[in-house]
Protein backbone atom coordinates (compact mmCIF):
# COMPACT_ATOMS: atom_id res chain seq x y z
CA UNK A 1 0.00 0.00 0.00
CA UNK A 2 1.25 3.54 -0.74
CA UNK A 3 2.30 5.58 2.27
CA UNK A 4 -0.22 8.25 3.40
CA UNK A 5 0.85 11.69 2.26
CA UNK A 6 0.72 14.80 4.47
CA UNK A 7 -2.16 17.10 3.56
CA UNK A 8 -1.38 19.95 1.19
CA UNK A 9 -1.08 23.24 2.99
CA UNK A 10 -3.95 25.69 2.70
CA UNK A 11 -1.73 28.57 3.84
CA UNK A 12 -1.48 31.26 1.19
CA UNK A 13 0.55 34.43 0.67
CA UNK A 14 -1.13 37.82 0.18
CA UNK A 15 -1.12 39.38 -3.30
CA UNK A 16 2.06 41.29 -4.03
CA UNK A 17 4.31 39.17 -1.82
CA UNK A 18 7.86 39.04 -3.16
CA UNK A 19 8.99 35.42 -2.94
CA UNK A 20 12.63 34.35 -3.22
CA UNK A 21 13.74 32.62 -6.38
CA UNK A 22 16.08 30.45 -4.32
CA UNK A 23 15.36 29.42 -0.74
CA UNK A 24 17.90 27.45 1.29
CA UNK A 25 17.20 25.80 4.63
CA UNK A 26 19.30 23.74 7.03
CA UNK A 27 17.32 20.81 8.39
CA UNK A 28 18.36 21.48 11.97
CA UNK A 29 17.18 20.71 15.49
CA UNK A 30 15.87 17.16 15.12
CA UNK A 31 18.00 15.75 17.92
CA UNK A 32 17.28 18.61 20.33
CA UNK A 33 13.58 18.32 19.59
CA UNK A 34 13.74 14.60 20.40
CA UNK A 35 15.74 15.09 23.60
CA UNK A 36 13.29 17.73 24.82
CA UNK A 37 10.54 15.13 24.53
CA UNK A 38 12.51 12.25 26.01
CA UNK A 39 12.82 10.48 22.65
CA UNK A 40 15.75 8.91 20.84
CA UNK A 41 17.55 11.11 18.27
CA UNK A 42 16.30 9.05 15.32
CA UNK A 43 12.70 9.82 16.32
CA UNK A 44 13.56 13.49 15.87
CA UNK A 45 14.93 12.81 12.39
CA UNK A 46 11.69 11.06 11.43
CA UNK A 47 9.62 14.01 12.68
CA UNK A 48 11.91 16.45 10.88
CA UNK A 49 11.54 14.47 7.67
CA UNK A 50 7.74 14.86 7.76
CA UNK A 51 8.00 18.58 8.55
CA UNK A 52 10.46 19.04 5.69
CA UNK A 53 8.03 17.47 3.22
CA UNK A 54 5.33 19.98 4.18
CA UNK A 55 7.77 22.87 3.85
CA UNK A 56 8.89 21.67 0.40
CA UNK A 57 5.29 21.36 -0.80
CA UNK A 58 4.53 24.91 0.37
CA UNK A 59 7.53 26.36 -1.48
CA UNK A 60 6.42 24.81 -4.75
CA UNK A 61 2.84 25.98 -4.29
CA UNK A 62 3.99 29.54 -3.60
CA UNK A 63 6.09 29.70 -6.75
CA UNK A 64 9.57 29.44 -5.23
CA UNK A 65 11.68 28.11 -8.07
CA UNK A 66 14.70 26.63 -6.29
CA UNK A 67 14.76 24.96 -2.88
CA UNK A 68 18.01 23.82 -1.29
CA UNK A 69 17.85 21.59 1.79
CA UNK A 70 20.92 20.51 3.74
CA UNK A 71 20.24 17.09 5.17
CA UNK A 72 23.68 15.68 5.98
CA UNK A 73 27.06 17.37 6.24
CA UNK A 74 30.57 16.04 5.85
CA UNK A 75 30.92 16.44 9.63
CA UNK A 76 27.80 14.41 10.45
CA UNK A 77 29.71 11.14 9.97
CA UNK A 78 31.03 11.69 13.51
CA UNK A 79 27.62 10.74 14.94
CA UNK A 80 26.91 7.27 16.31
CA UNK A 81 26.20 4.38 13.96
CA UNK A 82 22.55 3.96 14.99
CA UNK A 83 21.73 7.59 14.22
CA UNK A 84 23.62 7.55 10.90
CA UNK A 85 21.86 4.31 9.95
CA UNK A 86 18.47 5.91 10.67
CA UNK A 87 19.35 8.96 8.58
CA UNK A 88 20.46 6.77 5.68
CA UNK A 89 17.20 4.82 5.88
CA UNK A 90 15.27 8.10 5.79
CA UNK A 91 17.30 9.13 2.74
CA UNK A 92 16.34 5.90 1.01
CA UNK A 93 12.68 6.55 1.84
CA UNK A 94 12.99 10.16 0.69
CA UNK A 95 14.58 9.24 -2.64
CA UNK A 96 11.87 6.66 -3.29
CA UNK A 97 9.02 8.99 -2.36
CA UNK A 98 10.34 12.18 -3.94
CA UNK A 99 10.59 10.64 -7.42
CA UNK A 100 6.85 10.81 -8.01
CA UNK A 101 6.70 14.40 -6.74
CA UNK A 102 9.57 15.78 -8.84
CA UNK A 103 8.29 14.11 -11.99
CA UNK A 104 4.75 15.39 -11.41
CA UNK A 105 5.90 18.92 -10.53
CA UNK A 106 8.43 19.19 -13.39
CA UNK A 107 11.20 19.56 -10.79
CA UNK A 108 14.87 18.96 -11.44
CA UNK A 109 16.59 16.99 -8.67
CA UNK A 110 20.22 17.92 -7.98
CA UNK A 111 22.62 16.46 -5.45
CA UNK A 112 24.98 18.95 -3.80
CA UNK A 113 28.07 17.49 -2.19
CA UNK A 114 30.52 14.63 -2.55
CA UNK A 115 28.97 11.30 -3.52
CA UNK A 116 31.94 9.42 -2.10
CA UNK A 117 31.30 7.77 1.26
CA UNK A 118 27.52 7.62 0.72
CA UNK A 119 26.17 4.04 0.50
CA UNK A 120 26.27 2.63 -3.02
CA UNK A 121 22.50 2.12 -3.29
CA UNK A 122 21.87 5.75 -2.27
CA UNK A 123 24.44 6.98 -4.81
CA UNK A 124 22.75 4.89 -7.52
CA UNK A 125 19.31 6.27 -6.59
CA UNK A 126 20.65 9.84 -6.64
CA UNK A 127 22.26 9.40 -10.06
CA UNK A 128 19.10 7.85 -11.51
CA UNK A 129 16.95 10.68 -10.16
CA UNK A 130 19.34 13.34 -11.45
CA UNK A 131 19.39 11.77 -14.89
CA UNK A 132 15.62 11.26 -15.05
CA UNK A 133 14.87 14.90 -14.13
CA UNK A 134 17.77 16.58 -15.91
CA UNK A 135 15.52 18.49 -18.33
CA UNK A 136 12.77 19.47 -15.85
CA UNK A 137 12.48 23.25 -15.62
CA UNK A 138 9.60 24.38 -13.38
CA UNK A 139 11.51 23.92 -10.10
CA UNK A 140 14.91 22.84 -8.84
CA UNK A 141 15.32 20.77 -5.68
CA UNK A 142 18.89 20.80 -4.41
CA UNK A 143 19.58 18.19 -1.75
CA UNK A 144 22.89 18.62 0.08
CA UNK A 145 24.16 15.24 1.27
CA UNK A 146 27.70 14.65 2.48
CA UNK A 147 28.08 18.37 1.79
CA UNK A 148 30.54 20.90 3.20
CA UNK A 149 31.07 24.42 1.95
CA UNK A 150 34.85 24.29 2.07
CA UNK A 151 34.72 20.86 0.48
CA UNK A 152 32.71 22.29 -2.44
CA UNK A 153 35.28 25.04 -2.97
CA UNK A 154 38.12 22.49 -2.91
CA UNK A 155 36.30 20.12 -5.30
CA UNK A 156 35.55 23.02 -7.64
CA UNK A 157 39.20 24.05 -7.65
CA UNK A 158 40.27 20.48 -8.35
CA UNK A 159 37.85 20.27 -11.29
CA UNK A 160 39.27 23.47 -12.79
CA UNK A 161 42.81 22.14 -12.37
CA UNK A 162 41.83 18.80 -13.91
CA UNK A 163 40.34 20.70 -16.86
CA UNK A 164 43.81 22.21 -17.43
CA UNK A 165 42.42 25.76 -17.59
CA UNK A 166 45.12 28.47 -17.50
CA UNK A 167 45.06 30.55 -14.33
CA UNK A 168 44.57 33.82 -16.22
CA UNK A 169 41.27 32.48 -17.62
CA UNK A 170 39.81 31.76 -14.19
CA UNK A 171 37.28 34.43 -13.18
CA UNK A 172 34.12 34.42 -11.06
CA UNK A 173 31.90 33.30 -13.92
CA UNK A 174 34.13 30.36 -14.82
CA UNK A 175 34.56 29.34 -11.18
CA UNK A 176 30.78 29.36 -10.67
CA UNK A 177 30.37 27.09 -13.70
CA UNK A 178 32.22 24.33 -11.83
CA UNK A 179 30.26 24.60 -8.57
CA UNK A 180 27.61 22.06 -7.58
CA UNK A 181 24.92 24.58 -8.66
CA UNK A 182 26.38 25.09 -12.13
CA UNK A 183 23.90 25.62 -15.01
CA UNK A 184 20.95 26.35 -12.69
CA UNK A 185 18.78 29.40 -13.49
CA UNK A 186 18.92 30.63 -9.88
CA UNK A 187 22.16 29.35 -8.34
CA UNK A 188 22.46 32.19 -5.83
CA UNK A 189 20.46 31.97 -2.61
CA UNK A 190 17.96 34.78 -1.96
CA UNK A 191 16.71 33.64 1.46
CA UNK A 192 18.49 31.39 3.94
CA UNK A 193 16.50 29.96 6.87
CA UNK A 194 18.03 28.17 9.82
CA UNK A 195 15.69 26.72 12.44
CA UNK A 196 16.54 25.65 15.99
CA UNK A 197 17.79 29.05 17.14
CA UNK A 198 21.27 28.68 15.64
CA UNK A 199 22.66 31.84 14.02
CA UNK A 200 25.34 30.62 11.66
CA UNK A 201 25.49 29.20 8.15
CA UNK A 202 27.83 26.32 9.10
CA UNK A 203 29.37 26.66 5.65
CA UNK A 204 26.30 26.09 3.47
CA UNK A 205 26.91 27.33 -0.08
CA UNK A 206 29.52 29.98 0.87
CA UNK A 207 29.93 31.15 -2.73
CA UNK A 208 26.23 31.14 -3.56
CA UNK A 209 25.10 32.92 -0.36
CA UNK A 210 27.13 36.11 -0.80
CA UNK A 211 23.98 38.26 -1.04
CA UNK A 212 21.53 36.01 0.78
CA UNK A 213 19.07 37.37 3.32
CA UNK A 214 19.21 35.47 6.62
CA UNK A 215 16.25 34.44 8.76
CA UNK A 216 16.69 32.75 12.14
CA UNK A 217 13.85 30.54 13.38
CA UNK A 218 13.78 29.63 17.08
CA UNK A 219 11.77 26.42 16.74
CA UNK A 220 13.36 23.11 15.78
CA UNK A 221 12.75 21.61 12.34
CA UNK A 222 10.03 19.14 13.49
CA UNK A 223 7.99 22.15 14.67
CA UNK A 224 8.43 24.08 11.42
CA UNK A 225 5.12 24.57 9.63
CA UNK A 226 3.95 26.32 6.45
CA UNK A 227 2.62 29.08 8.74
CA UNK A 228 6.11 29.68 10.13
CA UNK A 229 7.59 29.51 6.65
CA UNK A 230 5.06 32.12 5.57
CA UNK A 231 6.28 34.42 8.35
CA UNK A 232 9.83 34.07 7.04
CA UNK A 233 8.72 34.76 3.45
CA UNK A 234 6.77 37.82 4.55
CA UNK A 235 9.81 39.11 6.45
CA UNK A 236 11.90 38.57 3.33
CA UNK A 237 9.28 40.33 1.22
CA UNK A 238 9.69 43.40 3.45
CA UNK A 239 13.41 43.72 2.82
CA UNK A 240 14.82 46.07 0.20
CA UNK A 241 17.61 44.34 -1.67
CA UNK A 242 19.96 46.79 -3.37
CA UNK A 243 22.97 44.55 -4.20
CA UNK A 244 25.21 47.57 -3.68
CA UNK A 245 23.08 49.81 -5.92
CA UNK A 246 19.70 51.49 -5.75
CA UNK A 247 16.45 49.75 -4.86
CA UNK A 248 13.37 49.73 -7.06
CA UNK A 249 10.79 50.23 -4.33
CA UNK A 250 8.39 53.15 -4.13
CA UNK A 251 9.67 55.74 -1.67
CA UNK A 252 7.62 57.57 0.96
CA UNK A 253 8.22 61.31 0.76
CA UNK A 254 6.42 62.62 3.84
CA UNK A 255 7.75 65.49 5.93
CA UNK A 256 8.47 64.05 9.42
CA UNK A 257 7.92 67.37 11.23
CA UNK A 258 4.59 68.01 9.48
CA UNK A 259 3.27 64.48 9.98
CA UNK A 260 4.33 64.54 13.65
CA UNK A 261 2.46 67.81 14.20
CA UNK A 262 -0.66 66.48 12.46
CA UNK A 263 -0.63 63.34 14.60
CA UNK A 264 -0.26 65.38 17.76
CA UNK A 265 -3.16 67.61 16.65
CA UNK A 266 -5.55 64.73 15.92
CA UNK A 267 -4.63 63.02 19.18
CA UNK A 268 -5.47 66.19 21.08
CA UNK A 269 -8.76 66.47 19.18
CA UNK A 270 -9.56 62.87 20.05
CA UNK A 271 -8.75 63.52 23.70
CA UNK A 272 -11.04 66.56 23.74
CA UNK A 273 -13.86 64.78 21.94
CA UNK A 274 -13.79 67.13 18.93
CA UNK A 275 -15.23 64.70 16.39
CA UNK A 276 -15.50 66.97 13.34
CA UNK A 277 -12.06 68.50 13.85
CA UNK A 278 -10.66 65.02 14.40
CA UNK A 279 -11.94 63.87 11.00
CA UNK A 280 -10.45 66.87 9.17
CA UNK A 281 -7.07 66.44 10.88
CA UNK A 282 -6.98 62.71 10.19
CA UNK A 283 -7.74 63.30 6.49
CA UNK A 284 -4.77 65.68 6.31
CA UNK A 285 -2.63 63.23 8.26
CA UNK A 286 -3.22 60.21 6.01
CA UNK A 287 -2.79 62.39 2.90
CA UNK A 288 0.62 63.64 4.03
CA UNK A 289 1.77 60.42 5.63
CA UNK A 290 0.93 57.97 2.85
CA UNK A 291 1.00 60.33 -0.12
CA UNK A 292 -2.66 59.75 -1.01
CA UNK A 293 -4.71 61.86 -3.37
CA UNK A 294 -7.26 64.25 -1.90
CA UNK A 295 -10.17 61.96 -2.70
CA UNK A 296 -8.54 58.81 -1.38
CA UNK A 297 -7.42 60.69 1.73
CA UNK A 298 -11.05 61.55 2.45
CA UNK A 299 -12.07 57.91 2.31
CA UNK A 300 -9.05 56.67 4.26
CA UNK A 301 -9.38 59.46 6.83
CA UNK A 302 -13.05 58.62 7.31
CA UNK A 303 -12.18 55.00 8.12
CA UNK A 304 -9.36 56.00 10.44
CA UNK A 305 -11.42 58.58 12.34
CA UNK A 306 -14.20 56.01 12.83
CA UNK A 307 -11.67 53.46 14.07
CA UNK A 308 -10.27 55.94 16.59
CA UNK A 309 -13.72 56.79 17.92
CA UNK A 310 -14.75 53.14 18.13
CA UNK A 311 -11.49 52.37 19.89
CA UNK A 312 -12.08 55.13 22.40
CA UNK A 313 -15.40 53.51 23.30
CA UNK A 314 -13.75 50.04 23.25
CA UNK A 315 -15.95 48.80 20.43
CA UNK A 316 -13.08 46.69 19.15
CA UNK A 317 -14.94 44.81 16.42
CA UNK A 318 -16.14 48.00 14.73
CA UNK A 319 -12.73 49.62 15.22
CA UNK A 320 -11.07 46.68 13.49
CA UNK A 321 -13.53 46.79 10.57
CA UNK A 322 -12.83 50.49 10.10
CA UNK A 323 -9.07 49.93 10.20
CA UNK A 324 -9.44 47.21 7.57
CA UNK A 325 -11.07 49.82 5.32
CA UNK A 326 -8.17 52.21 5.91
CA UNK A 327 -5.48 49.65 5.18
CA UNK A 328 -7.32 48.25 2.16
CA UNK A 329 -7.04 51.71 0.56
CA UNK A 330 -3.36 51.97 1.48
CA UNK A 331 -2.66 48.45 0.19
CA UNK A 332 -4.38 49.04 -3.14
CA UNK A 333 -2.92 52.51 -3.67
CA UNK A 334 0.67 51.80 -2.66
CA UNK A 335 0.81 48.19 -3.86
CA UNK A 336 2.18 46.91 -0.56
CA UNK A 337 1.99 43.18 0.17
CA UNK A 338 0.14 43.64 3.44
CA UNK A 339 -2.98 41.87 4.64
CA UNK A 340 -5.43 44.57 5.85
CA UNK A 341 -7.14 42.23 8.32
CA UNK A 342 -3.81 41.14 9.83
CA UNK A 343 -2.56 44.72 10.13
CA UNK A 344 -5.85 45.87 11.66
CA UNK A 345 -5.67 43.04 14.17
CA UNK A 346 -2.14 43.99 15.21
CA UNK A 347 -3.16 47.61 15.69
CA UNK A 348 -6.22 46.71 17.74
CA UNK A 349 -4.11 44.43 19.95
CA UNK A 350 -1.79 47.39 20.49
CA UNK A 351 -4.71 49.59 21.50
CA UNK A 352 -5.86 46.89 23.88
CA UNK A 353 -2.37 46.25 25.22
CA UNK A 354 -2.28 44.51 28.57
CA UNK A 355 -5.69 42.94 27.97
CA UNK A 356 -5.07 40.69 24.98
CA UNK A 357 -1.37 39.84 25.29
CA UNK A 358 -0.14 40.98 28.72
CA UNK A 359 3.41 39.75 28.05
CA UNK A 360 3.76 41.77 24.86
CA UNK A 361 4.92 45.36 25.25
CA UNK A 362 3.63 48.33 23.30
CA UNK A 363 7.00 48.56 21.58
CA UNK A 364 6.70 44.96 20.37
CA UNK A 365 3.22 45.66 18.99
CA UNK A 366 4.45 48.78 17.21
CA UNK A 367 7.49 47.00 15.77
CA UNK A 368 5.24 44.32 14.32
CA UNK A 369 2.77 46.92 13.02
CA UNK A 370 5.35 49.06 11.20
CA UNK A 371 7.03 46.00 9.70
CA UNK A 372 3.68 44.85 8.27
CA UNK A 373 2.53 48.25 7.00
CA UNK A 374 5.75 49.66 5.58
CA UNK A 375 7.25 46.38 4.35
CA UNK A 376 10.46 46.52 6.35
CA UNK A 377 11.84 43.69 8.46
CA UNK A 378 11.03 43.35 12.13
CA UNK A 379 14.65 44.22 12.91
CA UNK A 380 14.57 47.33 10.71
CA UNK A 381 11.40 48.57 12.41
CA UNK A 382 12.92 48.38 15.92
CA UNK A 383 14.33 51.94 16.20
CA UNK A 384 11.14 53.59 14.97
CA UNK A 385 9.02 51.42 17.26
CA UNK A 386 11.12 52.35 20.29
CA UNK A 387 10.69 56.08 19.61
CA UNK A 388 6.97 55.68 18.89
CA UNK A 389 6.49 53.87 22.21
CA UNK A 390 8.28 56.67 24.06
CA UNK A 391 6.07 59.27 22.36
CA UNK A 392 2.94 57.26 23.13
CA UNK A 393 3.94 57.12 26.79
CA UNK A 394 4.12 60.92 26.96
CA UNK A 395 0.82 61.32 25.09
CA UNK A 396 -0.88 58.90 27.48
CA UNK A 397 0.17 61.30 30.26
CA UNK A 398 -0.91 64.29 28.12
CA UNK A 399 2.63 65.62 28.06
CA UNK A 400 2.11 67.03 24.58
CA UNK A 401 5.22 69.25 24.57
CA UNK A 402 7.44 66.28 25.45
CA UNK A 403 5.66 64.02 22.96
CA UNK A 404 6.12 66.25 19.88
CA UNK A 405 9.93 65.99 19.54
CA UNK A 406 9.72 62.24 20.15
CA UNK A 407 7.06 61.91 17.45
CA UNK A 408 9.22 63.85 15.01
CA UNK A 409 12.21 61.62 15.81
CA UNK A 410 9.97 58.60 15.26
CA UNK A 411 8.87 59.76 11.82
CA UNK A 412 12.46 60.58 10.89
CA UNK A 413 13.55 57.11 11.93
CA UNK A 414 10.66 55.60 9.96
CA UNK A 415 11.56 57.63 6.89
CA UNK A 416 15.16 56.41 7.14
CA UNK A 417 13.75 52.91 6.50
CA UNK A 418 11.20 53.68 3.80
CA UNK A 419 12.66 56.65 1.91
């Protein structure tokens, strides 16, 4: 009987999400996951194998062309025989099961690493799979087995020497043509993910990861899900990749001092219960802040003013619906890959801070909010969020004169990220 397959993920990415052409992930944390649950290491490898299959399926469904997974390094031979035997058995199972998937999905299978020292039957299965899928073009699945980054550089150098190529003809392009990723459409990694809380590459694809974006995941591989992968992709989508030059993103051109003053004015109007003045100030604020046209600013300002008034009366459902209207206009106008409902939810949680997530500070809420709205990474939003939280603290105490310079510093810090 065929083995039961894990269900296809229903997790989707919002329109406009920038996905990496080449995603690389180290399959890490299986043993620690097992130890934390009182299990043997090989049980962790089995759980990691199943999690990895779900991750791979999600990448293909989301249109990621090349996926590189590092399953066994040149250093892993130092582990005990029982664990290595389990890993090799999982590799045999993987190679048998993946054949149907790569053929069906028009995926090219490529082995990265040194085939020497791998069991003969595994080497034979790898070679057959590589040959059978050689002309597949829709995706590339790179599987690093008995792989080491320094080893790849050495093997590449040896191949160039064996080819008797004069030293003066060796340049970056020629060198890359002898790497394990030679002749692939996307050999260079765009996004590198390492689970299990480790913050190093351990030598994975040192040549190909020169301009990679890094993402560190705290959970071990067996706990990795398409939802967590989505979070990593969304964080990547926020980042502006310049490759030493200029980026192609739309720039926000607001005046920090003007926007800070407008925010302070509408907050005062809200505090005094001046509904009509609040609406007019908010319209001006969203127009200047987001660069909206006069007509769109009226609609967006109307939604924002309603949200503020609903929030003041703690009608959170209506406040959230109004915020969704605001962010839907911003999303459509600016073309940002945000999810209005998600952003509205984050903002409402911030307004309700201490009631919904007591352990989460206002600064953490704001960092998450600005990352989602302005398409910067969580790390890049940290300075602006810190200043915004300080300003909010003074406004909560109605220290308007102290709040204004902090607000202006916040908008300057935000503009540093999005200008």
